[in-house]
Each structure stands twice: as structure tokens, then as C-alpha cells.
Amino acid sequence: HTEITWSAEVESVKGFRDEELSIVINENRIAKITVPHVDWYGLAKVTFLAADGDGAEVSSMATFEVTSVNDAPVMKKIPAQKITEGSEFEEVSLEEYVTDADHDLEKLKFKVSGAKELKVSLDKSSNTLSIQVPNEDWAGKEERLKIEVTDPEGGKDKSIIVLNVTGVNDEPEIGEVQSQEIKEGGQFKSINLEKLVKDKDHSAKQLKWSFRGNKDLTIQIGPDLKAKIKQPSENWHGEENITFTVTDPAGARAETEATFLVESINDQPVVEKKIKGQKIKEGGQFKIVNLDELIKDSDHKDSEISWEVELATTTKNDKGTELESVLDSKRQVSIKIPDVDYYGAAKLKLIATDPDGASITQSAIFEVQSVNDLPLMA
């Protein structure tokens, strides 16, 4: 037997990925048949040849088969992706994260589930996963996509990809506040702040408003987010530039400016204190009349009022003398008595006129009563 030489020929009938069995015959004439790897399966015909030293040989054939046992595909962990608002997710080539001992990758089928607000699409020709946010301003809760892979024989595996979009605060967008012009005593139109501003990240009620530039005008905001601008009094007039500033909870802000004008309307002087007539005894003196105390003008200073004083005699005396009025620089009127024996009466008429021509008139009687003088002995 030691003179017999052995050899073997392998003919693959079918095999996994065109790989063949290997046969090694050792010195003890023992044939060791080895499969290419643990996942190999297939059928091979092996012809064993025995030859003696004189060249005579004989052969025998045997069939060796490894039955396929399906191995499920194996998916690796897919890296999570975290992006900021306005950015884009990277595409994911799913074939890079799966292995299959029994099948080519192009024969595998992938399925994606679990998306809520994110939009996902799978290119089946390349098994590439694309992920889009609903819009460029979107930021939401973490989403977890389940990726399932199935081979032709039903073997399955799965993996999870975690996706996050971190919000980036957008500053509010504020529209133009229309300037307003009204007459004195009128009212400004209210301003609807809710319609004036847009904020992609916050509701109108979450925003805070502030104002600057107003000195006399006041601004009040009601629960309906309408701003009312009020004058300090019905006679106020003037012009103020007001800056409206809106700030969101994250501190981003926007502002706009508008002019609010109250056009002056001249108000007629009004009686502040009614002039009182005076009645004195012969030989007495009338009290001085302070004109500034008599009227009030909401539009002008006391010094801007012009006065006209008229004194008309209503009761004459035997001598034919009359009272006299004097208006000084301090806007005070003195009624002068011609002599100590004078008696009689006169009507004092005061006309106050402002620079715009509006006027008011007051009048009163000033009387000196006669006192009987005793006769004098010559």
C-alpha cells in the first residue's frame, strides 16, 4: 500500500459564491476535506485517483454536500444625527451598516418606520435613506427611526437611528406702526400689536413690549394686545416720536418707530374767577383788580393775553367828575377816585384776548356811595 500514490480532483456542482471545497491527503493516506468558511454551502463531486509504481491506476468518485442554513442579516448601530434648526441631515447608506453571510446586499430589502414629523424617503435602487425637516424653521422632539432589513429567506434584523433638531431662536419680525395725526381733544386709534408682529418660535402672548421716546403721552396695553396712546389732558398738543420694541423669551428683539402728533386747536379763555363789583363809602379806596386771577387759558401764558379795559359812568354826581381806570404792566387794574368828596358809579368792562383772537368779557359795577358832609361855618 505504501507504494500507492493518491490524488483527488474536485468538481463543484453548486457552491456559495463560486468557492470550492479543498482536499488534502496526508502521508497516512487520509483525505481531509475542508469547506472554505463556516457560512459556505454547496455540492461537489470528488474523484479519488490511486496509482501504483507501474503506472496502473484506478479511480472512485464521491459526492460531498453542505446544506445551506440561512443566516439572518446583521445590522450595525447607525450613528445618531443631531443638527441645528435650518440645517440638513446627512443621507444614510443603509448597506454600509449591514452584513449578510448568505446573500448579496442588493438582494436585501429595507423598511423604515417611526417618523412622526420628519419626512423620510428610501431610494430602493441604492438603499439610501434621506431625511428632511418639515420646514427650515422646524425644531422638535427627538425622533427614532426603526430600520428593518430582510433577506430573501425571511431572515431579519433591525437598528435604530436617533435624530435631533436643536432649535435656533429667530428674532421677532415687526411691521410698521403707522404714524398718526389728530386734532387737540381727539383720540388716537389703538394699535393691534398681535397683528403687528410675527415670531416663528413664540406666540404673541409670550412676547413683551416696551416703549421709549414718549414724554407726555402714555401707552397702555390691554389683554387683547391692543396699545392705546393717551394725551395727559384734553387740551394737550404736541408731537412725540415713540419707538416700539418687542422682545421674545430668549431675548431677541425688534423695533419700529412712529410719530404721534396732536395739532393745537385754540381754546377760548375761560372765567377762572368772576370779577366782583365793589361798593365803598365816599372817601374810601377801591381794591386793585388782578386780571391774571380772573381767567384761565389752556393754550397761552398769562403774559400772552392782551387786555382791554373800559370804564363807563352809570351814576353821575353833581360835580360831573368820573372814575378812572389804570392798567399797569403787572396786569393789575386800579380804579382811581378823582377826589375825596366824589360819589357815583361806573361799569368796569374787561376784555381778555389771546394771541389767536379768542376773547372773553367780564364786567362789574364799582360804586362810591355818598356820605353827607356837615356844613362848615365860615
Protein backbone atom coordinates (compact mmCIF):
# COMPACT_ATOMS: atom_id res chain seq x y z
CA HIS A 1 0.00 0.00 0.00
CA THR A 2 2.85 2.35 0.69
CA GLU A 3 3.70 2.28 -2.99
CA ILE A 4 0.26 3.59 -3.95
CA THR A 5 0.03 7.29 -4.78
CA TRP A 6 -3.23 9.09 -4.08
CA SER A 7 -4.66 12.28 -5.54
CA ALA A 8 -8.08 13.96 -5.69
CA GLU A 9 -9.94 16.16 -8.14
CA VAL A 10 -12.82 18.43 -7.06
CA GLU A 11 -15.68 19.35 -9.37
CA SER A 12 -18.10 21.92 -7.91
CA VAL A 13 -21.69 21.32 -8.91
CA LYS A 14 -23.00 24.30 -6.95
CA GLY A 15 -21.44 26.41 -4.35
CA PHE A 16 -21.68 29.62 -2.41
CA ARG A 17 -20.10 32.49 -4.32
CA ASP A 18 -18.12 30.12 -6.58
CA GLU A 19 -15.94 28.92 -3.74
CA GLU A 20 -14.79 25.27 -3.68
CA LEU A 21 -14.01 22.58 -1.17
CA SER A 22 -10.35 21.93 -0.54
CA ILE A 23 -8.96 18.34 -0.15
CA VAL A 24 -5.61 17.46 1.38
CA ILE A 25 -4.36 13.81 1.51
CA ASN A 26 -1.69 13.36 4.14
CA GLU A 27 1.12 10.81 4.37
CA ASN A 28 -1.10 8.37 6.15
CA ARG A 29 -3.41 8.37 3.08
CA ILE A 30 -6.14 10.20 4.98
CA ALA A 31 -8.10 12.76 2.98
CA LYS A 32 -9.11 15.90 4.84
CA ILE A 33 -11.98 17.77 3.20
CA THR A 34 -12.37 21.41 4.27
CA VAL A 35 -15.14 23.94 3.48
CA PRO A 36 -14.00 27.49 2.53
CA HIS A 37 -15.61 29.05 5.63
CA VAL A 38 -18.31 28.45 8.19
CA ASP A 39 -21.04 30.05 6.06
CA TRP A 40 -20.23 28.03 2.93
CA TYR A 41 -22.74 25.66 1.43
CA GLY A 42 -22.79 23.72 -1.83
CA LEU A 43 -22.30 20.36 -3.65
CA ALA A 44 -19.05 18.97 -5.01
CA LYS A 45 -18.00 15.75 -6.78
CA VAL A 46 -14.62 14.46 -5.66
CA THR A 47 -12.70 11.89 -7.75
CA PHE A 48 -10.02 9.99 -5.84
CA LEU A 49 -7.20 8.51 -8.01
CA ALA A 50 -4.91 5.67 -6.85
CA ALA A 51 -1.79 4.86 -8.93
CA ASP A 52 0.87 2.14 -8.35
CA GLY A 53 4.52 2.28 -9.21
CA ASP A 54 3.98 0.67 -12.64
CA GLY A 55 1.53 3.32 -13.80
CA ALA A 56 -1.65 1.42 -13.28
CA GLU A 57 -4.41 3.49 -11.69
CA VAL A 58 -7.93 3.29 -10.53
CA SER A 59 -10.46 5.99 -9.55
CA SER A 60 -13.54 6.35 -7.44
CA MET A 61 -15.97 9.27 -7.16
CA ALA A 62 -17.82 10.54 -4.10
CA THR A 63 -20.29 13.41 -3.58
CA PHE A 64 -19.90 15.90 -0.74
CA GLU A 65 -22.68 18.34 0.11
CA VAL A 66 -23.07 21.09 2.69
CA THR A 67 -26.72 22.04 3.16
CA SER A 68 -27.41 25.76 3.43
CA VAL A 69 -28.62 27.12 6.77
CA ASN A 70 -29.83 30.70 6.37
CA ASP A 71 -28.01 33.27 8.47
CA ALA A 72 -30.05 36.38 9.15
CA PRO A 73 -28.52 39.69 8.11
CA VAL A 74 -26.79 41.64 10.86
CA MET A 75 -27.17 45.39 11.24
CA LYS A 76 -24.65 47.57 12.99
CA LYS A 77 -25.57 50.60 15.07
CA ILE A 78 -26.31 53.59 12.87
CA PRO A 79 -24.81 56.80 14.29
CA ALA A 80 -27.27 59.34 15.64
CA GLN A 81 -27.53 62.72 13.94
CA LYS A 82 -28.03 66.00 15.74
CA ILE A 83 -28.38 69.17 13.71
CA THR A 84 -29.39 72.78 14.37
CA GLU A 85 -32.55 74.38 13.04
CA GLY A 86 -32.14 75.31 9.38
CA SER A 87 -29.52 72.59 8.71
CA GLU A 88 -29.95 69.31 6.82
CA PHE A 89 -29.50 65.68 7.85
CA GLU A 90 -26.85 63.63 6.06
CA GLU A 91 -28.04 60.80 3.80
CA VAL A 92 -27.56 57.32 5.22
CA SER A 93 -26.32 54.45 3.01
CA LEU A 94 -28.00 51.53 4.77
CA GLU A 95 -25.83 48.91 3.04
CA GLU A 96 -22.84 50.28 4.96
CA TYR A 97 -24.46 49.16 8.21
CA VAL A 98 -25.49 45.58 7.31
CA THR A 99 -23.73 42.29 6.60
CA ASP A 100 -25.20 39.03 5.29
CA ALA A 101 -23.24 35.80 5.16
CA ASP A 102 -25.61 34.18 2.70
CA HIS A 103 -26.78 36.88 0.32
CA ASP A 104 -25.51 39.75 -1.72
CA LEU A 105 -26.50 43.13 -0.29
CA GLU A 106 -28.52 44.13 -3.33
CA LYS A 107 -30.88 41.21 -2.58
CA LEU A 108 -31.79 42.60 0.83
CA LYS A 109 -34.90 44.68 1.44
CA PHE A 110 -35.07 47.60 3.86
CA LYS A 111 -38.05 49.12 5.63
CA VAL A 112 -38.12 52.43 7.57
CA SER A 113 -40.73 53.32 10.20
CA GLY A 114 -41.22 55.57 13.22
CA ALA A 115 -41.11 59.01 11.61
CA LYS A 116 -43.58 61.49 13.12
CA GLU A 117 -42.93 64.97 11.83
CA LEU A 118 -39.74 64.30 9.94
CA LYS A 119 -40.11 63.25 6.31
CA VAL A 120 -38.15 60.18 5.24
CA SER A 121 -37.65 58.58 1.83
CA LEU A 122 -35.78 55.44 0.83
CA ASP A 123 -34.16 55.06 -2.57
CA LYS A 124 -34.62 51.33 -3.16
CA SER A 125 -32.14 51.21 -6.01
CA SER A 126 -29.28 52.33 -3.75
CA ASN A 127 -30.81 51.70 -0.33
CA THR A 128 -30.05 55.29 0.61
CA LEU A 129 -32.14 56.93 3.32
CA SER A 130 -32.95 60.65 3.05
CA ILE A 131 -34.37 62.66 5.96
CA GLN A 132 -35.96 66.10 5.66
CA VAL A 133 -37.38 68.51 8.26
CA PRO A 134 -40.92 69.86 7.64
CA ASN A 135 -39.54 73.38 7.08
CA GLU A 136 -36.40 75.39 7.66
CA ASP A 137 -37.69 76.79 10.96
CA TRP A 138 -38.72 73.44 12.39
CA ALA A 139 -37.27 72.13 15.62
CA GLY A 140 -38.95 69.34 17.52
CA LYS A 141 -38.66 66.43 19.87
CA GLU A 142 -36.22 63.60 19.28
CA GLU A 143 -37.38 61.09 16.68
CA ARG A 144 -36.24 57.46 16.49
CA LEU A 145 -36.43 55.69 13.15
CA LYS A 146 -36.51 51.89 13.07
CA ILE A 147 -34.59 50.36 10.17
CA GLU A 148 -35.52 46.74 9.33
CA VAL A 149 -33.62 44.57 6.86
CA THR A 150 -34.94 41.26 5.44
CA ASP A 151 -33.08 38.72 3.31
CA PRO A 152 -34.73 36.61 0.58
CA GLU A 153 -35.28 33.75 3.03
CA GLY A 154 -37.01 35.85 5.68
CA GLY A 155 -34.08 36.44 7.97
CA LYS A 156 -34.35 39.81 9.66
CA ASP A 157 -32.54 42.30 11.82
CA LYS A 158 -33.12 45.90 12.84
CA SER A 159 -31.37 49.02 14.06
CA ILE A 160 -32.40 52.41 15.40
CA ILE A 161 -31.22 55.83 14.25
CA VAL A 162 -31.81 58.73 16.63
CA LEU A 163 -32.46 62.17 15.10
CA ASN A 164 -32.46 65.55 16.82
CA VAL A 165 -33.06 69.09 15.57
CA THR A 166 -31.94 71.75 18.05
CA GLY A 167 -33.97 74.93 17.89
CA VAL A 168 -32.30 78.23 16.99
CA ASN A 169 -34.19 81.27 18.23
CA ASP A 170 -35.42 83.54 15.45
CA GLU A 171 -35.88 87.19 16.34
CA PRO A 172 -39.39 88.60 16.05
CA GLU A 173 -40.41 90.36 12.86
CA ILE A 174 -42.20 93.65 13.45
CA GLY A 175 -44.25 95.57 10.93
CA GLU A 176 -44.55 99.30 10.51
CA VAL A 177 -46.57 101.29 13.01
CA GLN A 178 -48.48 103.94 11.14
CA SER A 179 -47.86 107.49 12.36
CA GLN A 180 -50.99 109.30 13.50
CA GLU A 181 -52.07 112.95 13.48
CA ILE A 182 -55.16 114.15 15.33
CA LYS A 183 -56.72 117.39 16.48
CA GLU A 184 -56.43 118.56 20.06
CA GLY A 185 -59.08 116.81 22.14
CA GLY A 186 -59.26 113.86 19.76
CA GLN A 187 -58.18 110.25 20.34
CA PHE A 188 -55.51 108.16 18.67
CA LYS A 189 -56.52 104.88 17.06
CA SER A 190 -55.50 101.81 19.05
CA ILE A 191 -52.68 99.65 17.65
CA ASN A 192 -53.18 95.89 17.31
CA LEU A 193 -49.79 94.57 18.45
CA GLU A 194 -50.72 90.93 17.77
CA LYS A 195 -51.14 91.66 14.06
CA LEU A 196 -48.08 93.87 14.02
CA VAL A 197 -45.55 91.18 14.94
CA LYS A 198 -44.61 87.69 13.74
CA ASP A 199 -42.47 85.22 15.67
CA LYS A 200 -41.64 81.78 14.33
CA ASP A 201 -40.80 80.39 17.75
CA HIS A 202 -43.25 82.05 20.16
CA SER A 203 -46.88 83.05 20.41
CA ALA A 204 -47.89 86.71 20.53
CA LYS A 205 -48.81 86.40 24.22
CA GLN A 206 -45.26 85.25 25.05
CA LEU A 207 -43.73 88.44 23.70
CA LYS A 208 -43.00 91.52 25.81
CA TRP A 209 -43.45 95.09 24.65
CA SER A 210 -41.63 98.22 25.74
CA PHE A 211 -41.67 101.83 24.57
CA ARG A 212 -39.34 104.79 24.62
CA GLY A 213 -39.36 108.35 23.36
CA ASN A 214 -42.70 109.31 24.88
CA LYS A 215 -42.60 112.08 27.47
CA ASP A 216 -46.17 113.24 27.96
CA LEU A 217 -48.05 110.57 26.04
CA THR A 218 -48.82 107.33 27.87
CA ILE A 219 -49.19 103.86 26.36
CA GLN A 220 -51.39 101.13 27.81
CA ILE A 221 -51.62 97.53 26.57
CA GLY A 222 -54.79 95.58 27.26
CA PRO A 223 -55.32 91.80 27.44
CA ASP A 224 -56.32 91.93 23.77
CA LEU A 225 -52.77 93.13 22.93
CA LYS A 226 -54.05 96.47 21.70
CA ALA A 227 -51.99 99.53 22.58
CA LYS A 228 -53.84 102.73 23.47
CA ILE A 229 -51.99 106.05 23.33
CA LYS A 230 -53.38 108.81 25.51
CA GLN A 231 -52.66 112.51 25.99
CA PRO A 232 -52.14 113.86 29.52
CA SER A 233 -55.17 116.15 29.12
CA GLU A 234 -57.79 117.06 26.55
CA ASN A 235 -56.04 120.38 25.91
CA TRP A 236 -52.60 118.87 25.36
CA HIS A 237 -50.97 119.30 21.99
CA GLY A 238 -47.56 118.43 20.69
CA GLU A 239 -45.54 115.81 18.83
CA GLU A 240 -43.67 112.76 20.10
CA ASN A 241 -41.68 110.03 18.34
CA ILE A 242 -42.26 106.69 20.02
CA THR A 243 -40.15 103.57 19.48
CA PHE A 244 -41.98 100.25 19.90
CA THR A 245 -39.74 97.34 20.97
CA VAL A 246 -40.85 93.69 21.09
CA THR A 247 -38.73 91.06 22.88
CA ASP A 248 -39.16 87.28 22.85
CA PRO A 249 -38.48 84.98 25.85
CA ALA A 250 -34.98 84.24 24.51
CA GLY A 251 -34.03 87.91 24.42
CA ALA A 252 -34.22 88.53 20.67
CA ARG A 253 -35.85 91.83 19.80
CA ALA A 254 -37.11 94.04 17.03
CA GLU A 255 -38.32 97.64 16.98
CA THR A 256 -40.07 100.25 14.90
CA GLU A 257 -40.78 103.97 15.30
CA ALA A 258 -43.80 106.14 14.65
CA THR A 259 -44.75 109.80 15.16
CA PHE A 260 -47.84 110.87 17.08
CA LEU A 261 -48.95 114.45 16.56
CA VAL A 262 -51.72 116.36 18.30
CA GLU A 263 -52.49 119.53 16.39
CA SER A 264 -53.31 122.51 18.55
CA ILE A 265 -56.82 123.99 18.46
CA ASN A 266 -57.09 127.38 20.10
CA ASP A 267 -59.25 127.31 23.20
CA GLN A 268 -61.04 130.47 24.23
CA PRO A 269 -60.01 131.89 27.59
CA VAL A 270 -62.44 130.85 30.31
CA VAL A 271 -63.54 132.52 33.54
CA GLU A 272 -61.45 131.28 36.42
CA LYS A 273 -62.77 133.77 38.92
CA LYS A 274 -65.72 136.07 38.31
CA ILE A 275 -64.94 139.73 38.84
CA LYS A 276 -66.79 141.15 41.82
CA GLY A 277 -68.18 144.61 41.89
CA GLN A 278 -67.04 146.90 44.68
CA LYS A 279 -69.11 149.36 46.75
CA ILE A 280 -67.31 151.75 49.06
CA LYS A 281 -68.13 154.84 51.08
CA GLU A 282 -67.17 158.27 49.95
CA GLY A 283 -63.58 158.91 50.89
CA GLY A 284 -62.61 155.22 50.62
CA GLN A 285 -60.38 153.38 48.05
CA PHE A 286 -61.19 150.50 45.67
CA LYS A 287 -59.21 147.29 45.86
CA ILE A 288 -56.86 146.54 42.95
CA VAL A 289 -58.19 144.01 40.41
CA ASN A 290 -55.63 141.30 39.50
CA LEU A 291 -56.52 140.30 35.93
CA ASP A 292 -54.44 137.04 35.96
CA GLU A 293 -56.76 135.67 38.63
CA LEU A 294 -59.87 136.20 36.55
CA ILE A 295 -59.28 133.93 33.54
CA LYS A 296 -57.58 130.71 32.52
CA ASP A 297 -56.19 129.91 29.09
CA SER A 298 -55.06 126.35 28.42
CA ASP A 299 -53.07 127.37 25.34
CA HIS A 300 -51.33 130.56 26.41
CA LYS A 301 -49.44 132.08 29.28
CA ASP A 302 -50.91 134.96 31.28
CA SER A 303 -48.32 137.25 29.75
CA GLU A 304 -49.57 136.43 26.25
CA ILE A 305 -53.11 137.63 26.96
CA SER A 306 -53.94 141.18 25.91
CA TRP A 307 -56.44 143.19 27.95
CA GLU A 308 -58.82 145.94 27.03
CA VAL A 309 -60.28 147.96 29.93
CA GLU A 310 -63.36 150.14 29.59
CA LEU A 311 -64.93 152.18 32.38
CA ALA A 312 -68.35 153.74 31.67
CA THR A 313 -70.12 156.01 34.18
CA THR A 314 -73.52 154.73 35.22
CA THR A 315 -74.31 157.22 38.05
CA LYS A 316 -73.12 160.81 37.79
CA ASN A 317 -72.54 163.27 40.64
CA ASP A 318 -73.22 166.97 40.87
CA LYS A 319 -69.67 167.92 40.03
CA GLY A 320 -69.54 165.91 36.80
CA THR A 321 -66.34 164.11 37.86
CA GLU A 322 -65.78 160.45 36.89
CA LEU A 323 -63.84 157.39 37.97
CA GLU A 324 -60.71 156.48 36.02
CA SER A 325 -59.17 153.06 35.32
CA VAL A 326 -55.43 152.39 35.10
CA LEU A 327 -53.88 149.13 33.75
CA ASP A 328 -50.28 148.59 34.77
CA SER A 329 -47.54 146.28 33.43
CA LYS A 330 -48.36 143.64 36.02
CA ARG A 331 -51.85 143.26 34.53
CA GLN A 332 -53.48 144.93 37.50
CA VAL A 333 -56.33 147.44 37.22
CA SER A 334 -56.69 150.32 39.66
CA ILE A 335 -59.87 152.41 39.87
CA LYS A 336 -58.87 155.98 40.63
CA ILE A 337 -61.25 158.33 42.52
CA PRO A 338 -60.99 161.96 41.41
CA ASP A 339 -61.30 163.44 44.95
CA VAL A 340 -62.31 162.59 48.49
CA ASP A 341 -65.81 164.00 48.02
CA TYR A 342 -66.55 162.01 44.91
CA TYR A 343 -69.56 159.80 44.77
CA GLY A 344 -71.07 157.94 41.82
CA ALA A 345 -70.78 154.63 39.95
CA ALA A 346 -69.22 153.18 36.80
CA LYS A 347 -69.29 149.87 34.95
CA LEU A 348 -65.89 148.25 34.52
CA LYS A 349 -65.67 146.11 31.38
CA LEU A 350 -62.68 143.79 30.91
CA ILE A 351 -61.97 142.11 27.56
CA ALA A 352 -59.27 139.38 27.51
CA THR A 353 -57.99 138.32 24.08
CA ASP A 354 -55.49 135.52 23.35
CA PRO A 355 -52.90 135.67 20.51
CA ASP A 356 -55.24 133.71 18.20
CA GLY A 357 -58.06 136.23 18.63
CA ALA A 358 -60.36 134.35 21.01
CA SER A 359 -61.74 136.61 23.71
CA ILE A 360 -63.90 136.70 26.79
CA THR A 361 -65.58 139.64 28.56
CA GLN A 362 -66.41 140.30 32.18
CA SER A 363 -67.94 143.36 33.81
CA ALA A 364 -68.84 144.70 37.24
CA ILE A 365 -70.10 147.87 38.91
CA PHE A 366 -67.79 149.98 41.03
CA GLU A 367 -69.68 152.45 43.22
CA VAL A 368 -68.76 155.18 45.69
CA GLN A 369 -71.66 155.93 48.00
CA SER A 370 -72.28 159.46 49.07
CA VAL A 371 -71.67 160.36 52.69
CA ASN A 372 -73.30 163.53 53.96
CA ASP A 373 -70.75 166.15 54.81
CA LEU A 374 -71.60 168.53 57.67
CA PRO A 375 -71.83 172.21 56.74
CA LEU A 376 -68.80 174.27 57.58
CA MET A 377 -69.06 177.68 59.33
CA ALA A 378 -67.19 180.39 57.58
